[in-house]
């Protein structure tokens, strides 16, 4: 229970000199969310989801994307963590109440279908259910105006219609706000002590650019 209210400690900052410029590196790769052990920027995106008590967690999480997605693996880790919380000290009926993680992706290439590897292998091992769609069906559901939309596409029939959480590709939704706000506060706090009233430029990579 204590993990549910545990605030992540600020990630350390390293200083490097690159082409004569001071560069401060925020080591989010050293972060670890309690239970799920997610690190990096996914720890920021998934922070609020990771904090939900298992008995209040949605019965099904639904998302989509590529078969080697980092966000896919992070979601699988959170759901697996919540299922372990549910089954810890529970009776034999707990298996019937397990939380599902359903992930839509395009038809897997032959080599992955024959032998899963990388993030796909790890996510499936954590309990993810993968649903393959033809390229056309995938585009019809998740392309166009629905690409990156915070709402599930109209044509999607959720595996559990009464209680499910929709997470857009890459975790690009309101769920990410709390963890990213904590990151921003950490940066402001660090620079207020170390910046000597100088301006600071923040540079980061972006896929869905949720963190930005």
Protein backbone atom coordinates (compact mmCIF):
# COMPACT_ATOMS: atom_id res chain seq x y z
CA UNK A 1 0.00 0.00 0.00
CA UNK A 2 2.87 2.35 0.80
CA UNK A 3 4.10 2.06 -2.78
CA UNK A 4 0.82 3.53 -4.01
CA UNK A 5 1.57 6.91 -2.45
CA UNK A 6 5.33 6.85 -2.93
CA UNK A 7 6.59 9.80 -4.93
CA UNK A 8 9.49 8.99 -7.21
CA UNK A 9 12.80 10.52 -6.19
CA UNK A 10 14.25 13.10 -8.61
CA UNK A 11 16.56 11.53 -11.16
CA UNK A 12 20.19 12.63 -10.89
CA UNK A 13 21.75 15.26 -13.16
CA UNK A 14 25.18 14.82 -14.73
CA UNK A 15 27.27 17.65 -16.19
CA UNK A 16 29.27 17.26 -19.39
CA UNK A 17 31.21 19.70 -21.56
CA UNK A 18 30.38 19.27 -25.25
CA UNK A 19 32.10 21.52 -27.81
CA UNK A 20 32.83 24.05 -25.11
CA UNK A 21 29.27 24.16 -23.77
CA UNK A 22 28.03 22.97 -20.41
CA UNK A 23 25.36 20.31 -20.88
CA UNK A 24 23.30 18.93 -18.01
CA UNK A 25 21.95 15.43 -18.57
CA UNK A 26 18.82 14.37 -16.68
CA UNK A 27 19.36 10.69 -16.00
CA UNK A 28 15.77 9.46 -16.20
CA UNK A 29 17.22 6.13 -17.35
CA UNK A 30 18.06 5.58 -13.66
CA UNK A 31 14.44 6.02 -12.53
CA UNK A 32 12.49 2.96 -11.43
CA UNK A 33 8.76 3.05 -10.73
CA UNK A 34 7.80 0.93 -7.70
CA UNK A 35 6.55 -2.51 -8.65
CA UNK A 36 6.62 -2.19 -12.43
CA UNK A 37 10.29 -1.07 -12.52
CA UNK A 38 9.64 1.14 -15.57
CA UNK A 39 12.45 3.59 -16.33
CA UNK A 40 13.17 6.50 -18.64
CA UNK A 41 10.55 8.83 -20.07
CA UNK A 42 7.99 6.00 -19.87
CA UNK A 43 8.34 6.20 -16.09
CA UNK A 44 7.12 9.78 -16.38
CA UNK A 45 4.25 8.93 -18.74
CA UNK A 46 3.08 5.92 -16.73
CA UNK A 47 3.56 7.44 -13.27
CA UNK A 48 -0.11 8.20 -12.59
CA UNK A 49 -1.22 4.83 -13.97
CA UNK A 50 1.35 3.04 -11.82
CA UNK A 51 -0.02 4.85 -8.73
CA UNK A 52 -3.59 3.54 -9.09
CA UNK A 53 -4.30 0.91 -6.41
CA UNK A 54 -4.84 -2.53 -7.90
CA UNK A 55 -8.37 -2.81 -6.53
CA UNK A 56 -9.33 0.44 -8.29
CA UNK A 57 -7.50 -0.34 -11.53
CA UNK A 58 -9.54 -0.75 -14.76
CA UNK A 59 -10.26 -4.38 -15.61
CA UNK A 60 -8.79 -3.96 -19.10
CA UNK A 61 -6.21 -1.66 -20.71
CA UNK A 62 -6.39 -1.25 -24.50
CA UNK A 63 -3.75 0.33 -26.72
CA UNK A 64 -2.15 0.03 -30.16
CA UNK A 65 1.10 0.58 -32.01
CA UNK A 66 4.18 -1.21 -33.29
CA UNK A 67 5.20 -4.67 -32.06
CA UNK A 68 8.45 -3.38 -30.52
CA UNK A 69 7.00 -0.28 -28.87
CA UNK A 70 8.53 0.89 -25.59
CA UNK A 71 5.14 2.19 -24.47
CA UNK A 72 3.64 -1.25 -25.14
CA UNK A 73 6.20 -2.87 -22.86
CA UNK A 74 5.70 -0.23 -20.17
CA UNK A 75 1.93 -0.78 -20.15
CA UNK A 76 2.45 -4.53 -19.95
CA UNK A 77 4.75 -4.01 -16.95
CA UNK A 78 2.19 -1.84 -15.12
CA UNK A 79 -0.65 -4.31 -15.72
CA UNK A 80 1.55 -7.22 -14.65
CA UNK A 81 2.45 -5.33 -11.46
CA UNK A 82 -1.22 -4.70 -10.65
CA UNK A 83 -2.07 -8.35 -11.24
CA UNK A 84 0.71 -9.37 -8.86
CA UNK A 85 -0.75 -7.01 -6.28
CA UNK A 86 -4.18 -8.54 -6.74
CA UNK A 87 -2.95 -12.11 -6.40
CA UNK A 88 -0.63 -11.45 -3.47
CA UNK A 89 -2.23 -13.24 -0.56
CA UNK A 90 -5.49 -13.68 -2.51
CA UNK A 91 -7.54 -16.86 -2.84
CA UNK A 92 -7.70 -19.12 -5.90
CA UNK A 93 -10.54 -17.10 -7.42
CA UNK A 94 -8.15 -14.18 -8.05
CA UNK A 95 -7.13 -15.54 -11.46
CA UNK A 96 -10.65 -14.95 -12.79
CA UNK A 97 -10.39 -11.29 -11.78
CA UNK A 98 -7.05 -10.58 -13.45
CA UNK A 99 -6.53 -7.32 -15.33
CA UNK A 100 -6.11 -7.67 -19.08
CA UNK A 101 -3.85 -5.73 -21.42
CA UNK A 102 -5.00 -5.95 -25.05
CA UNK A 103 -2.73 -4.50 -27.74
CA UNK A 104 -3.59 -3.99 -31.41
CA UNK A 105 -0.86 -4.07 -34.02
CA UNK A 106 -0.40 -4.82 -37.70
CA UNK A 107 0.19 -8.39 -38.87
CA UNK A 108 3.48 -9.53 -37.43
CA UNK A 109 6.32 -10.32 -39.83
CA UNK A 110 7.12 -14.01 -40.15
CA UNK A 111 10.31 -13.89 -38.10
CA UNK A 112 8.48 -12.33 -35.12
CA UNK A 113 5.53 -14.67 -35.40
CA UNK A 114 7.90 -17.64 -35.49
CA UNK A 115 10.12 -16.40 -32.68
CA UNK A 116 9.08 -13.34 -30.66
CA UNK A 117 11.98 -11.19 -29.52
CA UNK A 118 12.78 -7.89 -27.86
CA UNK A 119 9.94 -5.85 -26.40
CA UNK A 120 7.31 -8.11 -27.95
CA UNK A 121 8.72 -11.18 -26.23
CA UNK A 122 8.91 -9.40 -22.88
CA UNK A 123 5.41 -7.88 -23.12
CA UNK A 124 3.80 -11.22 -24.01
CA UNK A 125 5.69 -12.85 -21.13
CA UNK A 126 4.16 -10.20 -18.84
CA UNK A 127 0.68 -11.23 -19.96
CA UNK A 128 -0.11 -8.94 -22.90
CA UNK A 129 -2.76 -10.15 -25.36
CA UNK A 130 -1.85 -9.17 -28.90
CA UNK A 131 -4.46 -8.74 -31.65
CA UNK A 132 -3.13 -8.56 -35.20
CA UNK A 133 -4.93 -6.54 -37.85
CA UNK A 134 -4.47 -6.32 -41.59
CA UNK A 135 -2.78 -3.10 -42.72
CA UNK A 136 -6.13 -1.84 -44.08
CA UNK A 137 -8.07 -2.60 -40.92
CA UNK A 138 -5.31 -1.09 -38.82
CA UNK A 139 -5.34 2.11 -40.88
CA UNK A 140 -9.13 2.29 -40.86
CA UNK A 141 -9.16 2.09 -37.08
CA UNK A 142 -6.09 4.07 -36.07
CA UNK A 143 -5.09 6.13 -39.10
CA UNK A 144 -6.41 9.43 -40.39
CA UNK A 145 -8.30 11.54 -37.88
CA UNK A 146 -7.99 8.82 -35.23
CA UNK A 147 -4.21 8.75 -35.35
CA UNK A 148 -3.05 9.78 -31.88
CA UNK A 149 -6.59 10.67 -30.81
CA UNK A 150 -7.19 10.64 -27.06
CA UNK A 151 -10.52 8.85 -27.61
CA UNK A 152 -10.87 5.27 -28.84
CA UNK A 153 -11.84 5.06 -32.54
CA UNK A 154 -15.54 4.71 -33.28
CA UNK A 155 -15.11 1.33 -35.00
CA UNK A 156 -13.22 -0.26 -32.11
CA UNK A 157 -15.15 -2.81 -30.07
CA UNK A 158 -13.32 -2.97 -26.71
CA UNK A 159 -12.69 -6.43 -25.22
CA UNK A 160 -14.41 -5.28 -22.04
CA UNK A 161 -17.03 -2.65 -22.81
CA UNK A 162 -18.03 -1.94 -19.22
CA UNK A 163 -14.65 -1.06 -17.73
CA UNK A 164 -11.60 -0.39 -19.87
CA UNK A 165 -8.87 2.22 -20.16
CA UNK A 166 -7.93 3.45 -23.63
CA UNK A 167 -4.29 4.52 -24.02
CA UNK A 168 -3.33 6.11 -27.38
CA UNK A 169 -0.13 5.12 -29.15
CA UNK A 170 2.94 6.01 -27.12
CA UNK A 171 0.89 6.94 -24.04
CA UNK A 172 0.10 10.34 -25.55
CA UNK A 173 -2.83 11.31 -23.32
CA UNK A 174 -3.86 13.04 -20.10
CA UNK A 175 -2.51 10.11 -18.12
CA UNK A 176 1.03 11.39 -18.82
CA UNK A 177 0.50 14.89 -17.41
CA UNK A 178 1.18 14.19 -13.73
CA UNK A 179 4.52 12.45 -14.28
CA UNK A 180 5.72 14.99 -16.84
CA UNK A 181 4.76 17.84 -14.47
CA UNK A 182 6.96 16.24 -11.81
CA UNK A 183 9.83 16.18 -14.32
CA UNK A 184 9.29 19.88 -15.08
CA UNK A 185 9.30 20.68 -11.36
CA UNK A 186 12.56 18.76 -10.92
CA UNK A 187 14.19 20.74 -13.73
CA UNK A 188 12.98 24.07 -12.32
CA UNK A 189 14.16 23.15 -8.84
CA UNK A 190 17.59 22.11 -10.11
CA UNK A 191 18.07 25.25 -12.20
CA UNK A 192 16.91 27.60 -9.45
CA UNK A 193 19.86 26.31 -7.40
CA UNK A 194 22.46 25.85 -10.14
CA UNK A 195 21.51 28.31 -12.89
CA UNK A 196 22.80 31.60 -11.45
CA UNK A 197 19.78 33.36 -13.02
CA UNK A 198 20.92 32.35 -16.51
CA UNK A 199 18.46 31.12 -19.17
CA UNK A 200 18.14 27.38 -19.74
CA UNK A 201 17.37 25.56 -22.97
CA UNK A 202 15.76 22.13 -22.55
CA UNK A 203 16.43 19.61 -25.32
CA UNK A 204 14.81 16.20 -25.57
CA UNK A 205 14.07 13.55 -28.20
CA UNK A 206 10.50 13.00 -29.27
CA UNK A 207 8.40 10.23 -30.81
CA UNK A 208 4.82 11.23 -30.03
CA UNK A 209 6.40 14.27 -28.28
CA UNK A 210 4.18 13.65 -25.24
CA UNK A 211 6.95 14.63 -22.82
CA UNK A 212 7.59 17.86 -24.73
